[in-house]
PDB file of all heavy atoms in Angstrom:
ATOM      1  N   SER A   1       0.822  -1.213  -0.001  1.00  0.00           N
ATOM      2  CA  SER A   1       0.006  -0.005  -0.011  1.00  0.00           C
ATOM      3  C   SER A   1       0.870   1.273   0.010  1.00  0.00           C
ATOM      4  O   SER A   1       0.480   2.300  -0.591  1.00  0.00           O
ATOM      5  CB  SER A   1      -0.947  -0.005   1.207  1.00  0.00           C
ATOM      6  OG  SER A   1      -0.232  -0.112   2.423  1.00  0.00           O
ATOM      7  N   GLU A   2       2.033   1.199   0.645  1.00  0.00           N
ATOM      8  CA  GLU A   2       2.902   2.357   0.651  1.00  0.00           C
ATOM      9  C   GLU A   2       3.409   2.666  -0.769  1.00  0.00           C
ATOM     10  O   GLU A   2       3.517   3.823  -1.182  1.00  0.00           O
ATOM     11  CB  GLU A   2       4.103   2.082   1.584  1.00  0.00           C
ATOM     12  CG  GLU A   2       5.041   3.232   1.726  1.00  0.00           C
ATOM     13  CD  GLU A   2       6.177   2.971   2.692  1.00  0.00           C
ATOM     14  OE1 GLU A   2       6.120   1.951   3.413  1.00  0.00           O
ATOM     15  OE2 GLU A   2       7.135   3.762   2.726  1.00  0.00           O
ATOM     16  N   TRP A   3       3.780   1.600  -1.504  1.00  0.00           N
ATOM     17  CA  TRP A   3       4.218   1.816  -2.894  1.00  0.00           C
ATOM     18  C   TRP A   3       3.101   2.395  -3.744  1.00  0.00           C
ATOM     19  O   TRP A   3       3.316   3.312  -4.551  1.00  0.00           O
ATOM     20  CB  TRP A   3       4.738   0.519  -3.502  1.00  0.00           C
ATOM     21  CG  TRP A   3       4.944   0.629  -4.974  1.00  0.00           C
ATOM     22  CD1 TRP A   3       4.118   0.138  -5.943  1.00  0.00           C
ATOM     23  CD2 TRP A   3       5.985   1.375  -5.646  1.00  0.00           C
ATOM     24  NE1 TRP A   3       4.604   0.489  -7.168  1.00  0.00           N
ATOM     25  CE2 TRP A   3       5.736   1.225  -7.043  1.00  0.00           C
ATOM     26  CE3 TRP A   3       7.073   2.094  -5.203  1.00  0.00           C
ATOM     27  CZ2 TRP A   3       6.555   1.787  -7.981  1.00  0.00           C
ATOM     28  CZ3 TRP A   3       7.914   2.653  -6.151  1.00  0.00           C
ATOM     29  CH2 TRP A   3       7.668   2.507  -7.530  1.00  0.00           C
ATOM     30  N   LEU A   4       1.879   1.877  -3.562  1.00  0.00           N
ATOM     31  CA  LEU A   4       0.770   2.400  -4.338  1.00  0.00           C
ATOM     32  C   LEU A   4       0.551   3.879  -4.059  1.00  0.00           C
ATOM     33  O   LEU A   4       0.262   4.640  -5.005  1.00  0.00           O
ATOM     34  CB  LEU A   4      -0.499   1.611  -4.067  1.00  0.00           C
ATOM     35  CG  LEU A   4      -0.564   0.151  -4.561  1.00  0.00           C
ATOM     36  CD1 LEU A   4      -1.991  -0.351  -4.378  1.00  0.00           C
ATOM     37  CD2 LEU A   4      -0.154   0.036  -6.019  1.00  0.00           C
ATOM     38  N   GLN A   5       0.664   4.281  -2.826  1.00  0.00           N
ATOM     39  CA  GLN A   5       0.459   5.690  -2.504  1.00  0.00           C
ATOM     40  C   GLN A   5       1.550   6.544  -3.128  1.00  0.00           C
ATOM     41  O   GLN A   5       1.242   7.618  -3.674  1.00  0.00           O
ATOM     42  CB  GLN A   5       0.468   5.861  -0.958  1.00  0.00           C
ATOM     43  CG  GLN A   5       0.258   7.287  -0.505  1.00  0.00           C
ATOM     44  CD  GLN A   5      -1.102   7.863  -0.937  1.00  0.00           C
ATOM     45  OE1 GLN A   5      -2.057   7.103  -1.070  1.00  0.00           O
ATOM     46  NE2 GLN A   5      -1.149   9.148  -1.174  1.00  0.00           N
ATOM     47  N   PHE A   6       2.772   6.044  -3.099  1.00  0.00           N
ATOM     48  CA  PHE A   6       3.889   6.774  -3.759  1.00  0.00           C
ATOM     49  C   PHE A   6       3.646   6.892  -5.244  1.00  0.00           C
ATOM     50  O   PHE A   6       3.841   7.958  -5.832  1.00  0.00           O
ATOM     51  CB  PHE A   6       5.180   5.993  -3.473  1.00  0.00           C
ATOM     52  CG  PHE A   6       6.387   6.640  -4.045  1.00  0.00           C
ATOM     53  CD1 PHE A   6       6.818   7.866  -3.620  1.00  0.00           C
ATOM     54  CD2 PHE A   6       7.131   5.979  -5.038  1.00  0.00           C
ATOM     55  CE1 PHE A   6       7.981   8.472  -4.133  1.00  0.00           C
ATOM     56  CE2 PHE A   6       8.301   6.574  -5.550  1.00  0.00           C
ATOM     57  CZ  PHE A   6       8.693   7.819  -5.122  1.00  0.00           C
ATOM     58  N   ALA A   7       3.209   5.818  -5.908  1.00  0.00           N
ATOM     59  CA  ALA A   7       2.931   5.835  -7.338  1.00  0.00           C
ATOM     60  C   ALA A   7       1.770   6.793  -7.660  1.00  0.00           C
ATOM     61  O   ALA A   7       1.812   7.553  -8.646  1.00  0.00           O
ATOM     62  CB  ALA A   7       2.597   4.444  -7.823  1.00  0.00           C
ATOM     63  N   ARG A   8       0.779   6.833  -6.795  1.00  0.00           N
ATOM     64  CA  ARG A   8      -0.368   7.676  -7.057  1.00  0.00           C
ATOM     65  C   ARG A   8      -0.011   9.146  -6.925  1.00  0.00           C
ATOM     66  O   ARG A   8      -0.457  10.001  -7.722  1.00  0.00           O
ATOM     67  CB  ARG A   8      -1.500   7.350  -6.109  1.00  0.00           C
ATOM     68  CG  ARG A   8      -2.750   8.219  -6.385  1.00  0.00           C
ATOM     69  CD  ARG A   8      -3.983   7.650  -5.796  1.00  0.00           C
ATOM     70  NE  ARG A   8      -5.148   8.270  -6.436  1.00  0.00           N
ATOM     71  CZ  ARG A   8      -6.387   7.955  -6.166  1.00  0.00           C
ATOM     72  NH1 ARG A   8      -6.671   6.996  -5.302  1.00  0.00           N
ATOM     73  NH2 ARG A   8      -7.383   8.559  -6.809  1.00  0.00           N
ATOM     74  N   GLU A   9       0.786   9.468  -5.962  1.00  0.00           N
ATOM     75  CA  GLU A   9       1.226  10.866  -5.780  1.00  0.00           C
ATOM     76  C   GLU A   9       1.997  11.334  -7.012  1.00  0.00           C
ATOM     77  O   GLU A   9       1.835  12.446  -7.487  1.00  0.00           O
ATOM     78  CB  GLU A   9       2.063  10.997  -4.523  1.00  0.00           C
ATOM     79  CG  GLU A   9       1.247  10.859  -3.226  1.00  0.00           C
ATOM     80  CD  GLU A   9       2.126  10.755  -1.992  1.00  0.00           C
ATOM     81  OE1 GLU A   9       3.358  10.747  -2.133  1.00  0.00           O
ATOM     82  OE2 GLU A   9       1.581  10.688  -0.858  1.00  0.00           O
ATOM     83  N   GLY A  10       2.852  10.464  -7.514  1.00  0.00           N
ATOM     84  CA  GLY A  10       3.604  10.808  -8.752  1.00  0.00           C
ATOM     85  C   GLY A  10       2.666  10.990  -9.938  1.00  0.00           C
ATOM     86  O   GLY A  10       2.866  11.907 -10.780  1.00  0.00           O
ATOM     87  N   ALA A  11       1.651  10.156 -10.041  1.00  0.00           N
ATOM     88  CA  ALA A  11       0.687  10.266 -11.121  1.00  0.00           C
ATOM     89  C   ALA A  11      -0.075  11.579 -11.048  1.00  0.00           C
ATOM     90  O   ALA A  11      -0.304  12.245 -12.054  1.00  0.00           O
ATOM     91  CB  ALA A  11      -0.259   9.069 -11.119  1.00  0.00           C
ATOM     92  N   LYS A  12      -0.508  11.968  -9.860  1.00  0.00           N
ATOM     93  CA  LYS A  12      -1.245  13.210  -9.678  1.00  0.00           C
ATOM     94  C   LYS A  12      -0.417  14.434 -10.085  1.00  0.00           C
ATOM     95  O   LYS A  12      -0.923  15.359 -10.706  1.00  0.00           O
ATOM     96  CB  LYS A  12      -1.681  13.364  -8.217  1.00  0.00           C
ATOM     97  CG  LYS A  12      -2.892  12.501  -7.850  1.00  0.00           C
ATOM     98  CD  LYS A  12      -3.309  12.818  -6.412  1.00  0.00           C
ATOM     99  CE  LYS A  12      -4.611  12.041  -6.091  1.00  0.00           C
ATOM    100  NZ  LYS A  12      -5.053  12.341  -4.700  1.00  0.00           N
ATOM    101  N   ARG A  13       0.898  14.390  -9.774  1.00  0.00           N
ATOM    102  CA  ARG A  13       1.745  15.535 -10.131  1.00  0.00           C
ATOM    103  C   ARG A  13       1.917  15.632 -11.624  1.00  0.00           C
ATOM    104  O   ARG A  13       2.164  16.735 -12.137  1.00  0.00           O
ATOM    105  CB  ARG A  13       3.152  15.340  -9.481  1.00  0.00           C
ATOM    106  CG  ARG A  13       3.183  15.536  -8.000  1.00  0.00           C
ATOM    107  CD  ARG A  13       4.634  15.673  -7.507  1.00  0.00           C
ATOM    108  NE  ARG A  13       5.441  14.516  -7.848  1.00  0.00           N
ATOM    109  CZ  ARG A  13       5.570  13.449  -7.069  1.00  0.00           C
ATOM    110  NH1 ARG A  13       4.918  13.396  -5.918  1.00  0.00           N
ATOM    111  NH2 ARG A  13       6.342  12.449  -7.439  1.00  0.00           N
ATOM    112  N   ASN A  14       1.776  14.565 -12.331  1.00  0.00           N
ATOM    113  CA  ASN A  14       2.097  14.577 -13.772  1.00  0.00           C
ATOM    114  C   ASN A  14       0.896  14.449 -14.706  1.00  0.00           C
ATOM    115  O   ASN A  14       1.060  14.586 -15.935  1.00  0.00           O
ATOM    116  CB  ASN A  14       3.098  13.425 -14.088  1.00  0.00           C
ATOM    117  CG  ASN A  14       4.452  13.706 -13.477  1.00  0.00           C
ATOM    118  OD1 ASN A  14       5.206  14.533 -13.982  1.00  0.00           O
ATOM    119  ND2 ASN A  14       4.813  12.962 -12.406  1.00  0.00           N
ATOM    120  N   ALA A  15      -0.276  14.193 -14.188  1.00  0.00           N
ATOM    121  CA  ALA A  15      -1.423  13.945 -15.044  1.00  0.00           C
ATOM    122  C   ALA A  15      -1.778  15.157 -15.910  1.00  0.00           C
ATOM    123  O   ALA A  15      -2.123  15.022 -17.060  1.00  0.00           O
ATOM    124  CB  ALA A  15      -2.644  13.556 -14.166  1.00  0.00           C
ATOM    125  N   GLU A  16      -1.658  16.372 -15.366  1.00  0.00           N
ATOM    126  CA  GLU A  16      -1.957  17.562 -16.132  1.00  0.00           C
ATOM    127  C   GLU A  16      -1.037  17.724 -17.340  1.00  0.00           C
ATOM    128  O   GLU A  16      -1.475  18.135 -18.414  1.00  0.00           O
ATOM    129  CB  GLU A  16      -1.897  18.780 -15.253  1.00  0.00           C
ATOM    130  CG  GLU A  16      -2.489  20.032 -15.869  1.00  0.00           C
ATOM    131  CD  GLU A  16      -2.649  21.180 -14.910  1.00  0.00           C
ATOM    132  OE1 GLU A  16      -2.577  20.976 -13.686  1.00  0.00           O
ATOM    133  OE2 GLU A  16      -2.868  22.312 -15.365  1.00  0.00           O
ATOM    134  N   THR A  17       0.224  17.365 -17.161  1.00  0.00           N
ATOM    135  CA  THR A  17       1.164  17.448 -18.270  1.00  0.00           C
ATOM    136  C   THR A  17       0.752  16.506 -19.401  1.00  0.00           C
ATOM    137  O   THR A  17       0.818  16.874 -20.578  1.00  0.00           O
ATOM    138  CB  THR A  17       2.591  17.063 -17.789  1.00  0.00           C
ATOM    139  OG1 THR A  17       2.980  18.013 -16.785  1.00  0.00           O
ATOM    140  CG2 THR A  17       3.560  17.095 -18.932  1.00  0.00           C
ATOM    141  N   VAL A  18       0.318  15.314 -19.023  1.00  0.00           N
ATOM    142  CA  VAL A  18      -0.114  14.362 -20.043  1.00  0.00           C
ATOM    143  C   VAL A  18      -1.397  14.826 -20.764  1.00  0.00           C
ATOM    144  O   VAL A  18      -1.484  14.787 -22.005  1.00  0.00           O
ATOM    145  CB  VAL A  18      -0.352  12.977 -19.433  1.00  0.00           C
ATOM    146  CG1 VAL A  18      -0.904  12.001 -20.450  1.00  0.00           C
ATOM    147  CG2 VAL A  18       0.958  12.421 -18.850  1.00  0.00           C
ATOM    148  N   VAL A  19      -2.344  15.326 -19.986  1.00  0.00           N
ATOM    149  CA  VAL A  19      -3.614  15.794 -20.570  1.00  0.00           C
ATOM    150  C   VAL A  19      -3.369  16.991 -21.502  1.00  0.00           C
ATOM    151  O   VAL A  19      -4.041  17.124 -22.547  1.00  0.00           O
ATOM    152  CB  VAL A  19      -4.582  16.164 -19.436  1.00  0.00           C
ATOM    153  CG1 VAL A  19      -5.813  16.902 -20.002  1.00  0.00           C
ATOM    154  CG2 VAL A  19      -5.034  14.918 -18.696  1.00  0.00           C
ATOM    155  N   GLY A  20      -2.397  17.814 -21.190  1.00  0.00           N
ATOM    156  CA  GLY A  20      -2.149  19.015 -21.974  1.00  0.00           C
ATOM    157  C   GLY A  20      -1.235  18.779 -23.155  1.00  0.00           C
ATOM    158  O   GLY A  20      -0.946  19.754 -23.908  1.00  0.00           O
ATOM    159  N   SER A  21      -0.816  17.556 -23.408  1.00  0.00           N
ATOM    160  CA  SER A  21       0.113  17.307 -24.530  1.00  0.00           C
ATOM    161  C   SER A  21      -0.609  17.077 -25.824  1.00  0.00           C
ATOM    162  O   SER A  21      -1.789  16.662 -25.817  1.00  0.00           O
ATOM    163  CB  SER A  21       0.950  16.071 -24.196  1.00  0.00           C
ATOM    164  OG  SER A  21       0.163  14.908 -24.137  1.00  0.00           O
ATOM    165  N   ARG A  22       0.063  17.366 -26.909  1.00  0.00           N
ATOM    166  CA  ARG A  22      -0.510  17.097 -28.235  1.00  0.00           C
ATOM    167  C   ARG A  22      -0.503  15.622 -28.538  1.00  0.00           C
ATOM    168  O   ARG A  22      -1.407  15.055 -29.117  1.00  0.00           O
ATOM    169  CB  ARG A  22       0.286  17.858 -29.308  1.00  0.00           C
ATOM    170  CG  ARG A  22      -0.098  17.550 -30.738  1.00  0.00           C
ATOM    171  CD  ARG A  22       0.771  18.342 -31.720  1.00  0.00           C
ATOM    172  NE  ARG A  22       2.184  18.059 -31.515  1.00  0.00           N
ATOM    173  CZ  ARG A  22       2.819  17.010 -32.014  1.00  0.00           C
ATOM    174  NH1 ARG A  22       2.168  16.082 -32.699  1.00  0.00           N
ATOM    175  NH2 ARG A  22       4.116  16.829 -31.805  1.00  0.00           N
ATOM    176  N   VAL A  23       0.592  14.968 -28.152  1.00  0.00           N
ATOM    177  CA  VAL A  23       0.731  13.540 -28.323  1.00  0.00           C
ATOM    178  C   VAL A  23       1.628  13.027 -27.186  1.00  0.00           C
ATOM    179  O   VAL A  23       2.494  13.755 -26.687  1.00  0.00           O
ATOM    180  CB  VAL A  23       1.347  13.220 -29.706  1.00  0.00           C
ATOM    181  CG1 VAL A  23       2.750  13.768 -29.836  1.00  0.00           C
ATOM    182  CG2 VAL A  23       1.363  11.714 -29.972  1.00  0.00           C
ATOM    183  N   ALA A  24       1.373  11.794 -26.795  1.00  0.00           N
ATOM    184  CA  ALA A  24       2.145  11.187 -25.706  1.00  0.00           C
ATOM    185  C   ALA A  24       2.785   9.906 -26.167  1.00  0.00           C
ATOM    186  O   ALA A  24       2.227   9.162 -26.982  1.00  0.00           O
ATOM    187  CB  ALA A  24       1.247  10.969 -24.498  1.00  0.00           C
ATOM    188  N   PHE A  25       3.967   9.656 -25.628  1.00  0.00           N
ATOM    189  CA  PHE A  25       4.664   8.383 -25.858  1.00  0.00           C
ATOM    190  C   PHE A  25       4.994   7.785 -24.511  1.00  0.00           C
ATOM    191  O   PHE A  25       5.224   8.486 -23.541  1.00  0.00           O
ATOM    192  CB  PHE A  25       5.984   8.608 -26.616  1.00  0.00           C
ATOM    193  CG  PHE A  25       5.853   9.275 -27.954  1.00  0.00           C
ATOM    194  CD1 PHE A  25       6.012  10.647 -28.114  1.00  0.00           C
ATOM    195  CD2 PHE A  25       5.518   8.510 -29.064  1.00  0.00           C
ATOM    196  CE1 PHE A  25       5.852  11.228 -29.362  1.00  0.00           C
ATOM    197  CE2 PHE A  25       5.360   9.095 -30.302  1.00  0.00           C
ATOM    198  CZ  PHE A  25       5.527  10.452 -30.454  1.00  0.00           C
TER     199      PHE A  25
END
């Protein structure tokens, strides 16, 4: 559960960058 929380926090920080991109790889 600690790893999942760490992964989720990282995802939250970066989700807006992905949504705002023209294309993602």
